[in-house]
Amino acid sequence: MNEHRHEIPMRWADIDSLNHVNNVVYLEYAAQAEHALIADRVVERRRPGSVVVEFSRPIQLSRRPVEVVTQVREDSLVQRIGVRGSDRVFATVTSSFGAPDRVEPAAGVAEQPLTLRPSDLDHDGSVSVPRVFELLQESRIPYMATLLPSGPGGVVLATVAVDLVRPITGDDVVESRAWVDRLGTSSYAIGAQLVVDGAVSVSSLAVLVGFDPATQRSRALSEVEREGIASGLRPPTR
């Protein structure tokens, strides 16, 4: 099997308010391992068409480095993220290099402008994959605050699937669009798009699951949560 291992020390800046590695940082770990493979000429530099992240459990701050195991396939990279000395997989990042389908901008949903920073840009002047995920996170969090003004109960991000339809450059004026795609008893999905000049550059779907920190188990959403989240359900298209 064509696998490669890279160790990456953690930083304090990687950690969120729960003492867990921030969700976006997993993409930075994956990108750092990929850059090492490019430097070693194991893989060529390619921009993925889609990236899927599956979060299994949170990584807490540790002196032990993060370990990224990358499986190189013909049309994808599969990167399992763990911690040195543990067999546990905390997240899996799958980057596929096929061209994604083009989609139309969502209508009748929440919209907000986003501001790019020079640090968002990659070597080629386009927004890097980790920063795309950060922009999507910046879209979801304020949007959810409008649906749940008192704040959601405990939730964890289970998966994020992102289609990178077109590169976003530093000169682009970016607008985000967000909506509730579906709602279940213990989970819900947030759709989001990054739109430039009326065309979708990035499309995503994030699944969030109710979580009880005391028991470390999934939980049912409360009626108050369900009512607020349901108000954001996207109108059906015909």
Protein backbone atom coordinates (compact mmCIF):
# COMPACT_ATOMS: atom_id res chain seq x y z
CA MET A 1 0.00 0.00 0.00
CA ASN A 2 1.35 3.44 -0.99
CA GLU A 3 1.25 5.17 2.42
CA HIS A 4 3.37 7.96 3.84
CA ARG A 5 3.60 9.18 7.44
CA HIS A 6 4.33 12.71 8.61
CA GLU A 7 4.50 14.06 12.16
CA ILE A 8 3.38 17.63 12.85
CA PRO A 9 3.84 19.32 16.25
CA MET A 10 0.74 20.94 17.71
CA ARG A 11 0.57 24.66 18.44
CA TRP A 12 -1.44 26.53 21.04
CA ALA A 13 -3.12 28.38 18.18
CA ASP A 14 -4.50 25.05 16.92
CA ILE A 15 -6.76 24.75 19.96
CA ASP A 16 -10.31 26.08 20.38
CA SER A 17 -12.18 27.12 23.54
CA LEU A 18 -12.96 23.46 24.36
CA ASN A 19 -9.25 22.57 24.37
CA HIS A 20 -9.79 20.66 21.12
CA VAL A 21 -8.04 21.10 17.79
CA ASN A 22 -10.13 23.52 15.72
CA ASN A 23 -11.95 21.83 12.85
CA VAL A 24 -10.17 23.93 10.20
CA VAL A 25 -6.75 22.99 11.57
CA TYR A 26 -7.24 19.38 10.46
CA LEU A 27 -7.13 20.73 6.90
CA GLU A 28 -3.87 22.51 7.70
CA TYR A 29 -2.36 19.27 9.00
CA ALA A 30 -3.45 17.49 5.82
CA ALA A 31 -2.07 20.30 3.64
CA GLN A 32 1.27 20.28 5.47
CA ALA A 33 1.63 16.54 4.88
CA GLU A 34 0.71 16.99 1.21
CA HIS A 35 3.28 19.78 0.82
CA ALA A 36 5.95 17.41 2.17
CA LEU A 37 4.94 14.82 -0.43
CA ILE A 38 5.16 17.47 -3.16
CA ALA A 39 8.62 18.53 -1.96
CA ASP A 40 9.73 14.89 -2.04
CA ARG A 41 8.23 14.53 -5.55
CA VAL A 42 5.94 11.74 -4.42
CA VAL A 43 2.90 13.59 -5.80
CA GLU A 44 2.40 16.53 -8.14
CA ARG A 45 0.82 19.77 -7.01
CA ARG A 46 -2.86 19.55 -7.96
CA ARG A 47 -5.93 21.40 -6.79
CA PRO A 48 -8.68 19.01 -5.71
CA GLY A 49 -12.18 19.17 -7.11
CA SER A 50 -13.74 18.02 -3.85
CA VAL A 51 -12.69 17.49 -0.24
CA VAL A 52 -14.59 15.48 2.37
CA VAL A 53 -13.66 15.56 6.06
CA GLU A 54 -15.05 12.97 8.47
CA PHE A 55 -14.54 13.84 12.14
CA SER A 56 -14.42 10.79 14.42
CA ARG A 57 -13.32 12.30 17.76
CA PRO A 58 -11.59 15.50 18.93
CA ILE A 59 -7.85 15.84 19.40
CA GLN A 60 -6.89 17.55 22.65
CA LEU A 61 -3.75 19.59 23.16
CA SER A 62 -0.81 17.27 23.70
CA ARG A 63 2.97 17.23 23.67
CA ARG A 64 2.71 14.32 21.26
CA PRO A 65 2.74 15.39 17.61
CA VAL A 66 -0.10 14.84 15.21
CA GLU A 67 0.54 11.99 12.76
CA VAL A 68 -0.86 12.18 9.23
CA VAL A 69 -0.93 8.93 7.26
CA THR A 70 -1.49 9.68 3.58
CA GLN A 71 -2.61 7.01 1.15
CA VAL A 72 -1.80 8.05 -2.40
CA ARG A 73 -4.29 6.88 -5.00
CA GLU A 74 -4.51 7.60 -8.70
CA ASP A 75 -7.31 10.13 -8.40
CA SER A 76 -7.33 11.00 -4.69
CA LEU A 77 -5.44 11.38 -1.43
CA VAL A 78 -6.86 9.78 1.71
CA GLN A 79 -5.30 11.22 4.87
CA ARG A 80 -5.93 9.72 8.30
CA ILE A 81 -5.12 12.10 11.12
CA GLY A 82 -4.09 10.71 14.50
CA VAL A 83 -1.61 11.27 17.31
CA ARG A 84 1.77 9.59 17.64
CA GLY A 85 1.56 6.46 19.77
CA SER A 86 -2.17 5.93 19.25
CA ASP A 87 -4.01 3.75 16.75
CA ARG A 88 -7.07 6.01 16.89
CA VAL A 89 -8.10 7.94 13.81
CA PHE A 90 -9.46 11.35 14.80
CA ALA A 91 -10.37 12.57 11.32
CA THR A 92 -10.10 11.46 7.70
CA VAL A 93 -9.56 13.94 4.87
CA THR A 94 -10.29 12.67 1.35
CA SER A 95 -9.24 14.93 -1.52
CA SER A 96 -10.49 13.90 -4.97
CA PHE A 97 -9.10 15.39 -8.16
CA GLY A 98 -12.02 15.00 -10.56
CA ALA A 99 -13.94 18.07 -11.68
CA PRO A 100 -17.07 18.67 -9.57
CA ASP A 101 -20.47 19.36 -11.08
CA ARG A 102 -21.41 23.00 -11.50
CA VAL A 103 -24.33 24.17 -9.39
CA GLU A 104 -26.64 27.17 -9.46
CA PRO A 105 -26.54 29.78 -6.69
CA ALA A 106 -29.09 29.04 -3.97
CA ALA A 107 -32.03 31.43 -4.00
CA GLY A 108 -34.18 32.57 -1.09
CA VAL A 109 -31.49 31.87 1.52
CA ALA A 110 -29.35 33.92 3.92
CA GLU A 111 -26.58 35.97 2.30
CA GLN A 112 -23.59 37.81 3.74
CA PRO A 113 -20.40 39.37 2.34
CA LEU A 114 -17.03 37.88 3.24
CA THR A 115 -13.70 39.70 3.35
CA LEU A 116 -10.57 37.97 2.10
CA ARG A 117 -7.15 38.43 3.69
CA PRO A 118 -3.73 38.12 2.02
CA SER A 119 -3.03 35.18 4.35
CA ASP A 120 -5.98 33.32 2.77
CA LEU A 121 -4.08 32.95 -0.50
CA ASP A 122 -2.04 29.96 -1.63
CA HIS A 123 1.12 29.92 -3.76
CA ASP A 124 -0.88 30.51 -6.96
CA GLY A 125 -2.87 33.48 -5.67
CA SER A 126 -6.07 31.53 -5.05
CA VAL A 127 -7.66 30.89 -1.66
CA SER A 128 -6.11 27.75 -0.15
CA VAL A 129 -8.19 24.73 0.76
CA PRO A 130 -7.85 25.24 4.56
CA ARG A 131 -8.91 28.87 4.17
CA VAL A 132 -11.90 27.82 2.03
CA PHE A 133 -13.01 25.65 4.94
CA GLU A 134 -12.47 28.58 7.29
CA LEU A 135 -14.61 30.87 5.11
CA LEU A 136 -17.35 28.25 5.12
CA GLN A 137 -17.10 28.04 8.92
CA GLU A 138 -17.30 31.85 9.05
CA SER A 139 -20.51 31.53 7.03
CA ARG A 140 -22.14 28.82 9.16
CA ILE A 141 -21.53 30.23 12.63
CA PRO A 142 -23.16 33.69 12.17
CA TYR A 143 -25.97 32.09 10.21
CA MET A 144 -26.73 29.62 13.02
CA ALA A 145 -26.70 32.53 15.47
CA THR A 146 -29.65 34.03 13.58
CA LEU A 147 -31.61 30.78 13.93
CA LEU A 148 -30.66 30.13 17.56
CA PRO A 149 -30.10 33.54 19.23
CA SER A 150 -29.50 31.95 22.63
CA GLY A 151 -26.90 29.65 21.09
CA PRO A 152 -27.19 26.00 20.14
CA GLY A 153 -26.84 23.25 22.71
CA GLY A 154 -23.82 21.01 22.49
CA VAL A 155 -23.13 20.02 18.89
CA VAL A 156 -20.18 18.53 17.06
CA LEU A 157 -19.28 18.67 13.41
CA ALA A 158 -19.54 15.16 11.94
CA THR A 159 -18.72 15.64 8.26
CA VAL A 160 -18.08 18.43 5.79
CA ALA A 161 -18.22 17.81 2.04
CA VAL A 162 -16.91 20.61 -0.17
CA ASP A 163 -16.91 20.96 -3.96
CA LEU A 164 -14.29 23.38 -5.27
CA VAL A 165 -15.98 24.45 -8.48
CA ARG A 166 -13.79 27.47 -9.32
CA PRO A 167 -10.74 29.00 -7.64
CA ILE A 168 -11.31 32.17 -5.62
CA THR A 169 -8.62 34.83 -6.07
CA GLY A 170 -7.58 37.67 -3.82
CA ASP A 171 -9.33 40.26 -5.99
CA ASP A 172 -12.69 38.48 -5.91
CA VAL A 173 -15.69 39.89 -4.07
CA VAL A 174 -17.09 36.90 -2.20
CA GLU A 175 -20.60 36.42 -0.88
CA SER A 176 -21.75 33.45 1.20
CA ARG A 177 -25.16 31.84 1.05
CA ALA A 178 -26.32 29.49 3.80
CA TRP A 179 -29.42 27.46 4.62
CA VAL A 180 -30.61 24.43 6.56
CA ASP A 181 -30.57 21.54 4.10
CA ARG A 182 -32.18 18.93 6.34
CA LEU A 183 -33.23 18.39 9.94
CA GLY A 184 -33.42 15.16 11.92
CA THR A 185 -34.06 14.24 15.55
CA SER A 186 -30.41 14.46 16.60
CA SER A 187 -28.64 16.05 13.63
CA TYR A 188 -29.00 18.67 10.94
CA ALA A 189 -27.16 19.71 7.78
CA ILE A 190 -26.13 23.21 6.78
CA GLY A 191 -25.62 23.96 3.10
CA ALA A 192 -23.35 26.84 2.16
CA GLN A 193 -21.99 28.38 -1.01
CA LEU A 194 -19.27 30.90 -1.76
CA VAL A 195 -20.44 32.99 -4.70
CA VAL A 196 -18.38 35.31 -6.92
CA ASP A 197 -20.02 37.49 -9.59
CA GLY A 198 -23.23 35.49 -9.37
CA ALA A 199 -21.52 32.13 -9.95
CA VAL A 200 -20.86 29.42 -7.35
CA SER A 201 -17.15 28.95 -6.66
CA VAL A 202 -17.56 26.62 -3.67
CA SER A 203 -20.48 24.46 -2.55
CA SER A 204 -20.61 22.59 0.75
CA LEU A 205 -22.72 20.50 3.09
CA ALA A 206 -21.88 20.21 6.80
CA VAL A 207 -23.57 17.70 9.11
CA LEU A 208 -23.78 18.63 12.80
CA VAL A 209 -24.84 16.22 15.54
CA GLY A 210 -26.29 17.00 18.96
CA PHE A 211 -23.70 16.17 21.61
CA ASP A 212 -23.81 15.88 25.41
CA PRO A 213 -20.41 16.87 26.86
CA ALA A 214 -21.23 15.21 30.19
CA THR A 215 -21.81 11.77 28.70
CA GLN A 216 -19.69 12.27 25.56
CA ARG A 217 -22.57 10.83 23.54
CA SER A 218 -24.94 12.07 20.87
CA ARG A 219 -28.20 13.57 22.07
CA ALA A 220 -31.59 14.47 20.63
CA LEU A 221 -32.13 18.08 19.64
CA SER A 222 -34.51 19.98 21.92
CA GLU A 223 -37.83 21.27 20.64
CA VAL A 224 -36.53 24.84 20.93
CA GLU A 225 -33.50 23.93 18.82
CA ARG A 226 -35.60 22.10 16.24
CA GLU A 227 -38.01 25.01 15.93
CA GLY A 228 -35.19 27.50 15.38
CA ILE A 229 -33.29 25.29 12.95
CA ALA A 230 -36.46 24.44 11.01
CA SER A 231 -37.00 28.14 10.30
CA GLY A 232 -33.92 28.02 8.07
CA LEU A 233 -35.00 25.07 5.93
CA ARG A 234 -34.49 25.94 2.28
CA PRO A 235 -37.71 26.26 0.30
CA PRO A 236 -38.14 23.34 -2.11
CA THR A 237 -37.17 24.10 -5.69
CA ARG A 238 -39.32 23.15 -8.66
